[in-house]
């Protein structure tokens, strides 16, 4: 949904439900809600990638230092 821009086809109540579920207080037009959700999803992806890189780096170091 994120990459194919299907978020913009969701109804206002569906977008509001997502925002509410994630405790994001935001009032705005449909396009603004879509943009806010994309920012939220992007931040989750960034945090996930950052976590993976940090943990893989420490695993790689431990593996190399054990030899």
PDB file of N, CA and C in Angstrom:
ATOM      1  N   UNK A   1       0.815  -1.194   0.000  1.00  0.00           N
ATOM      2  CA  UNK A   1       0.000   0.000   0.000  1.00  0.00           C
ATOM      3  C   UNK A   1       0.860   1.259   0.000  1.00  0.00           C
ATOM      4  N   UNK A   2       1.936   1.241   0.731  1.00  0.00           N
ATOM      5  CA  UNK A   2       2.781   2.428   0.861  1.00  0.00           C
ATOM      6  C   UNK A   2       3.417   2.792  -0.477  1.00  0.00           C
ATOM      7  N   UNK A   3       4.056   1.822  -1.120  1.00  0.00           N
ATOM      8  CA  UNK A   3       4.760   2.104  -2.365  1.00  0.00           C
ATOM      9  C   UNK A   3       3.828   2.336  -3.542  1.00  0.00           C
ATOM     10  N   UNK A   4       2.695   1.665  -3.567  1.00  0.00           N
ATOM     11  CA  UNK A   4       1.805   1.777  -4.721  1.00  0.00           C
ATOM     12  C   UNK A   4       0.817   2.931  -4.588  1.00  0.00           C
ATOM     13  N   UNK A   5       0.941   3.722  -3.539  1.00  0.00           N
ATOM     14  CA  UNK A   5       0.111   4.894  -3.293  1.00  0.00           C
ATOM     15  C   UNK A   5      -1.370   4.555  -3.154  1.00  0.00           C
ATOM     16  N   UNK A   6      -1.671   3.373  -2.645  1.00  0.00           N
ATOM     17  CA  UNK A   6      -3.058   3.002  -2.399  1.00  0.00           C
ATOM     18  C   UNK A   6      -3.597   3.646  -1.127  1.00  0.00           C
ATOM     19  N   UNK A   7      -2.718   4.250  -0.341  1.00  0.00           N
ATOM     20  CA  UNK A   7      -3.167   4.930   0.866  1.00  0.00           C
ATOM     21  C   UNK A   7      -4.158   6.039   0.534  1.00  0.00           C
ATOM     22  N   UNK A   8      -3.933   6.706  -0.581  1.00  0.00           N
ATOM     23  CA  UNK A   8      -4.807   7.828  -0.939  1.00  0.00           C
ATOM     24  C   UNK A   8      -6.211   7.376  -1.308  1.00  0.00           C
ATOM     25  N   UNK A   9      -6.384   6.077  -1.559  1.00  0.00           N
ATOM     26  CA  UNK A   9      -7.724   5.585  -1.890  1.00  0.00           C
ATOM     27  C   UNK A   9      -8.517   5.172  -0.640  1.00  0.00           C
ATOM     28  N   UNK A  10      -7.861   5.213   0.535  1.00  0.00           N
ATOM     29  CA  UNK A  10      -8.560   4.868   1.768  1.00  0.00           C
ATOM     30  C   UNK A  10      -9.504   5.993   2.179  1.00  0.00           C
ATOM     31  N   UNK A  11     -10.560   5.610   2.867  1.00  0.00           N
ATOM     32  CA  UNK A  11     -11.528   6.587   3.359  1.00  0.00           C
ATOM     33  C   UNK A  11     -10.947   7.341   4.557  1.00  0.00           C
ATOM     34  N   UNK A  12     -11.508   8.493   4.824  1.00  0.00           N
ATOM     35  CA  UNK A  12     -11.049   9.338   5.930  1.00  0.00           C
ATOM     36  C   UNK A  12     -11.108   8.582   7.252  1.00  0.00           C
ATOM     37  N   UNK A  13     -12.185   7.823   7.489  1.00  0.00           N
ATOM     38  CA  UNK A  13     -12.296   7.089   8.756  1.00  0.00           C
ATOM     39  C   UNK A  13     -11.230   6.001   8.870  1.00  0.00           C
ATOM     40  N   UNK A  14     -10.823   5.408   7.747  1.00  0.00           N
ATOM     41  CA  UNK A  14      -9.761   4.393   7.780  1.00  0.00           C
ATOM     42  C   UNK A  14      -8.411   5.044   8.100  1.00  0.00           C
ATOM     43  N   UNK A  15      -8.163   6.185   7.498  1.00  0.00           N
ATOM     44  CA  UNK A  15      -6.923   6.916   7.785  1.00  0.00           C
ATOM     45  C   UNK A  15      -6.900   7.381   9.240  1.00  0.00           C
ATOM     46  N   UNK A  16      -8.026   7.864   9.715  1.00  0.00           N
ATOM     47  CA  UNK A  16      -8.127   8.320  11.105  1.00  0.00           C
ATOM     48  C   UNK A  16      -7.920   7.160  12.076  1.00  0.00           C
ATOM     49  N   UNK A  17      -8.406   5.985  11.725  1.00  0.00           N
ATOM     50  CA  UNK A  17      -8.220   4.801  12.570  1.00  0.00           C
ATOM     51  C   UNK A  17      -6.745   4.447  12.696  1.00  0.00           C
ATOM     52  N   UNK A  18      -6.008   4.523  11.586  1.00  0.00           N
ATOM     53  CA  UNK A  18      -4.573   4.244  11.623  1.00  0.00           C
ATOM     54  C   UNK A  18      -3.876   5.239  12.551  1.00  0.00           C
ATOM     55  N   UNK A  19      -4.177   6.512  12.358  1.00  0.00           N
ATOM     56  CA  UNK A  19      -3.550   7.545  13.180  1.00  0.00           C
ATOM     57  C   UNK A  19      -3.882   7.347  14.653  1.00  0.00           C
ATOM     58  N   UNK A  20      -5.114   7.031  14.941  1.00  0.00           N
ATOM     59  CA  UNK A  20      -5.541   6.812  16.319  1.00  0.00           C
ATOM     60  C   UNK A  20      -4.856   5.585  16.930  1.00  0.00           C
ATOM     61  N   UNK A  21      -4.777   4.519  16.163  1.00  0.00           N
ATOM     62  CA  UNK A  21      -4.143   3.287  16.626  1.00  0.00           C
ATOM     63  C   UNK A  21      -2.688   3.528  17.035  1.00  0.00           C
ATOM     64  N   UNK A  22      -2.017   4.399  16.290  1.00  0.00           N
ATOM     65  CA  UNK A  22      -0.609   4.677  16.561  1.00  0.00           C
ATOM     66  C   UNK A  22      -0.416   5.922  17.429  1.00  0.00           C
ATOM     67  N   UNK A  23      -1.536   6.362  18.028  1.00  0.00           N
ATOM     68  CA  UNK A  23      -1.512   7.489  18.975  1.00  0.00           C
ATOM     69  C   UNK A  23      -0.915   8.755  18.350  1.00  0.00           C
ATOM     70  N   UNK A  24      -1.289   8.991  17.104  1.00  0.00           N
ATOM     71  CA  UNK A  24      -0.862  10.191  16.401  1.00  0.00           C
ATOM     72  C   UNK A  24      -2.054  11.139  16.356  1.00  0.00           C
ATOM     73  N   UNK A  25      -1.917  12.269  17.020  1.00  0.00           N
ATOM     74  CA  UNK A  25      -2.987  13.261  17.013  1.00  0.00           C
ATOM     75  C   UNK A  25      -2.771  14.164  15.817  1.00  0.00           C
ATOM     76  N   UNK A  26      -3.708  14.107  14.894  1.00  0.00           N
ATOM     77  CA  UNK A  26      -3.567  14.899  13.679  1.00  0.00           C
ATOM     78  C   UNK A  26      -4.939  15.149  13.083  1.00  0.00           C
ATOM     79  N   UNK A  27      -5.225  16.399  12.787  1.00  0.00           N
ATOM     80  CA  UNK A  27      -6.466  16.754  12.105  1.00  0.00           C
ATOM     81  C   UNK A  27      -6.081  17.484  10.834  1.00  0.00           C
ATOM     82  N   UNK A  28      -6.621  17.018   9.750  1.00  0.00           N
ATOM     83  CA  UNK A  28      -6.320  17.658   8.481  1.00  0.00           C
ATOM     84  C   UNK A  28      -7.131  17.017   7.381  1.00  0.00           C
ATOM     85  N   UNK A  29      -6.865  17.458   6.180  1.00  0.00           N
ATOM     86  CA  UNK A  29      -7.560  16.917   5.020  1.00  0.00           C
ATOM     87  C   UNK A  29      -7.029  15.530   4.696  1.00  0.00           C
ATOM     88  N   UNK A  30      -7.749  14.836   3.821  1.00  0.00           N
ATOM     89  CA  UNK A  30      -7.405  13.468   3.448  1.00  0.00           C
ATOM     90  C   UNK A  30      -5.950  13.368   2.971  1.00  0.00           C
ATOM     91  N   UNK A  31      -5.541  14.259   2.084  1.00  0.00           N
ATOM     92  CA  UNK A  31      -4.177  14.217   1.541  1.00  0.00           C
ATOM     93  C   UNK A  31      -3.137  14.454   2.642  1.00  0.00           C
ATOM     94  N   UNK A  32      -3.472  15.305   3.604  1.00  0.00           N
ATOM     95  CA  UNK A  32      -2.551  15.565   4.713  1.00  0.00           C
ATOM     96  C   UNK A  32      -2.431  14.355   5.623  1.00  0.00           C
ATOM     97  N   UNK A  33      -3.532  13.645   5.833  1.00  0.00           N
ATOM     98  CA  UNK A  33      -3.493  12.421   6.646  1.00  0.00           C
ATOM     99  C   UNK A  33      -2.658  11.348   5.957  1.00  0.00           C
ATOM    100  N   UNK A  34      -2.819  11.224   4.638  1.00  0.00           N
ATOM    101  CA  UNK A  34      -2.018  10.264   3.871  1.00  0.00           C
ATOM    102  C   UNK A  34      -0.537  10.599   4.021  1.00  0.00           C
ATOM    103  N   UNK A  35      -0.200  11.876   3.894  1.00  0.00           N
ATOM    104  CA  UNK A  35       1.197  12.302   4.033  1.00  0.00           C
ATOM    105  C   UNK A  35       1.731  11.994   5.429  1.00  0.00           C
ATOM    106  N   UNK A  36       0.927  12.230   6.457  1.00  0.00           N
ATOM    107  CA  UNK A  36       1.355  11.957   7.828  1.00  0.00           C
ATOM    108  C   UNK A  36       1.588  10.462   8.044  1.00  0.00           C
ATOM    109  N   UNK A  37       0.714   9.636   7.487  1.00  0.00           N
ATOM    110  CA  UNK A  37       0.873   8.187   7.616  1.00  0.00           C
ATOM    111  C   UNK A  37       2.134   7.729   6.897  1.00  0.00           C
ATOM    112  N   UNK A  38       2.406   8.300   5.722  1.00  0.00           N
ATOM    113  CA  UNK A  38       3.628   7.942   4.994  1.00  0.00           C
ATOM    114  C   UNK A  38       4.876   8.327   5.787  1.00  0.00           C
ATOM    115  N   UNK A  39       4.827   9.474   6.442  1.00  0.00           N
ATOM    116  CA  UNK A  39       5.956   9.887   7.284  1.00  0.00           C
ATOM    117  C   UNK A  39       6.133   8.894   8.428  1.00  0.00           C
ATOM    118  N   UNK A  40       5.037   8.488   9.035  1.00  0.00           N
ATOM    119  CA  UNK A  40       5.109   7.540  10.144  1.00  0.00           C
ATOM    120  C   UNK A  40       5.685   6.198   9.685  1.00  0.00           C
ATOM    121  N   UNK A  41       5.175   5.676   8.575  1.00  0.00           N
ATOM    122  CA  UNK A  41       5.673   4.401   8.044  1.00  0.00           C
ATOM    123  C   UNK A  41       7.148   4.530   7.675  1.00  0.00           C
ATOM    124  N   UNK A  42       7.520   5.649   7.073  1.00  0.00           N
ATOM    125  CA  UNK A  42       8.922   5.876   6.721  1.00  0.00           C
ATOM    126  C   UNK A  42       9.826   5.878   7.935  1.00  0.00           C
ATOM    127  N   UNK A  43       9.363   6.484   9.022  1.00  0.00           N
ATOM    128  CA  UNK A  43      10.182   6.507  10.240  1.00  0.00           C
ATOM    129  C   UNK A  43      10.319   5.113  10.843  1.00  0.00           C
ATOM    130  N   UNK A  44       9.255   4.314  10.735  1.00  0.00           N
ATOM    131  CA  UNK A  44       9.341   2.930  11.224  1.00  0.00           C
ATOM    132  C   UNK A  44      10.346   2.130  10.400  1.00  0.00           C
ATOM    133  N   UNK A  45      10.317   2.320   9.083  1.00  0.00           N
ATOM    134  CA  UNK A  45      11.265   1.627   8.202  1.00  0.00           C
ATOM    135  C   UNK A  45      12.693   2.066   8.500  1.00  0.00           C
ATOM    136  N   UNK A  46      12.885   3.369   8.687  1.00  0.00           N
ATOM    137  CA  UNK A  46      14.214   3.891   8.992  1.00  0.00           C
ATOM    138  C   UNK A  46      14.743   3.297  10.292  1.00  0.00           C
ATOM    139  N   UNK A  47      13.902   3.293  11.323  1.00  0.00           N
ATOM    140  CA  UNK A  47      14.312   2.729  12.614  1.00  0.00           C
ATOM    141  C   UNK A  47      14.647   1.252  12.487  1.00  0.00           C
ATOM    142  N   UNK A  48      13.868   0.524  11.684  1.00  0.00           N
ATOM    143  CA  UNK A  48      14.109  -0.899  11.489  1.00  0.00           C
ATOM    144  C   UNK A  48      15.435  -1.138  10.778  1.00  0.00           C
ATOM    145  N   UNK A  49      15.710  -0.359   9.748  1.00  0.00           N
ATOM    146  CA  UNK A  49      16.967  -0.505   9.002  1.00  0.00           C
ATOM    147  C   UNK A  49      18.143  -0.118   9.884  1.00  0.00           C
ATOM    148  N   UNK A  50      17.999   0.969  10.615  1.00  0.00           N
ATOM    149  CA  UNK A  50      19.059   1.429  11.517  1.00  0.00           C
ATOM    150  C   UNK A  50      19.362   0.365  12.564  1.00  0.00           C
ATOM    151  N   UNK A  51      18.319  -0.244  13.131  1.00  0.00           N
ATOM    152  CA  UNK A  51      18.499  -1.296  14.125  1.00  0.00           C
ATOM    153  C   UNK A  51      19.221  -2.487  13.500  1.00  0.00           C
ATOM    154  N   UNK A  52      18.806  -2.876  12.301  1.00  0.00           N
ATOM    155  CA  UNK A  52      19.417  -4.027  11.628  1.00  0.00           C
ATOM    156  C   UNK A  52      20.887  -3.784  11.350  1.00  0.00           C
ATOM    157  N   UNK A  53      21.217  -2.609  10.856  1.00  0.00           N
ATOM    158  CA  UNK A  53      22.612  -2.287  10.547  1.00  0.00           C
ATOM    159  C   UNK A  53      23.445  -2.294  11.814  1.00  0.00           C
ATOM    160  N   UNK A  54      22.931  -1.699  12.875  1.00  0.00           N
ATOM    161  CA  UNK A  54      23.685  -1.666  14.138  1.00  0.00           C
ATOM    162  C   UNK A  54      23.905  -3.066  14.686  1.00  0.00           C
ATOM    163  N   UNK A  55      22.881  -3.907  14.645  1.00  0.00           N
ATOM    164  CA  UNK A  55      23.026  -5.257  15.182  1.00  0.00           C
ATOM    165  C   UNK A  55      23.854  -6.152  14.280  1.00  0.00           C
ATOM    166  N   UNK A  56      23.746  -5.996  12.991  1.00  0.00           N
ATOM    167  CA  UNK A  56      24.576  -6.791  12.087  1.00  0.00           C
ATOM    168  C   UNK A  56      26.036  -6.404  12.241  1.00  0.00           C
ATOM    169  N   UNK A  57      26.286  -5.119  12.439  1.00  0.00           N
ATOM    170  CA  UNK A  57      27.658  -4.662  12.642  1.00  0.00           C
ATOM    171  C   UNK A  57      28.275  -5.276  13.878  1.00  0.00           C
ATOM    172  N   UNK A  58      27.526  -5.339  14.967  1.00  0.00           N
ATOM    173  CA  UNK A  58      28.064  -5.914  16.192  1.00  0.00           C
ATOM    174  C   UNK A  58      28.218  -7.423  16.061  1.00  0.00           C
ATOM    175  N   UNK A  59      27.306  -8.062  15.333  1.00  0.00           N
ATOM    176  CA  UNK A  59      27.433  -9.502  15.099  1.00  0.00           C
ATOM    177  C   UNK A  59      28.659  -9.795  14.238  1.00  0.00           C
ATOM    178  N   UNK A  60      28.873  -8.973  13.230  1.00  0.00           N
ATOM    179  CA  UNK A  60      30.021  -9.161  12.340  1.00  0.00           C
ATOM    180  C   UNK A  60      31.310  -8.999  13.132  1.00  0.00           C
ATOM    181  N   UNK A  61      31.360  -8.017  14.029  1.00  0.00           N
ATOM    182  CA  UNK A  61      32.544  -7.783  14.837  1.00  0.00           C
ATOM    183  C   UNK A  61      32.798  -8.961  15.764  1.00  0.00           C
ATOM    184  N   UNK A  62      31.736  -9.459  16.412  1.00  0.00           N
ATOM    185  CA  UNK A  62      31.892 -10.585  17.326  1.00  0.00           C
ATOM    186  C   UNK A  62      32.357 -11.825  16.592  1.00  0.00           C
ATOM    187  N   UNK A  63      31.808 -12.056  15.389  1.00  0.00           N
ATOM    188  CA  UNK A  63      32.188 -13.220  14.605  1.00  0.00           C
ATOM    189  C   UNK A  63      33.648 -13.152  14.200  1.00  0.00           C
ATOM    190  N   UNK A  64      34.092 -11.997  13.770  1.00  0.00           N
ATOM    191  CA  UNK A  64      35.491 -11.820  13.339  1.00  0.00           C
ATOM    192  C   UNK A  64      36.444 -11.891  14.512  1.00  0.00           C
ATOM    193  N   UNK A  65      36.073 -11.388  15.653  1.00  0.00           N
ATOM    194  CA  UNK A  65      36.983 -11.361  16.792  1.00  0.00           C
ATOM    195  C   UNK A  65      37.078 -12.721  17.484  1.00  0.00           C
ATOM    196  N   UNK A  66      36.128 -13.609  17.189  1.00  0.00           N
ATOM    197  CA  UNK A  66      36.144 -14.940  17.801  1.00  0.00           C
ATOM    198  C   UNK A  66      37.093 -15.894  17.060  1.00  0.00           C
ATOM    199  N   UNK A  67      37.567 -15.512  15.924  1.00  0.00           N
ATOM    200  CA  UNK A  67      38.421 -16.418  15.134  1.00  0.00           C
ATOM    201  C   UNK A  67      39.831 -16.419  15.616  1.00  0.00           C
TER     202      UNK A  67
END
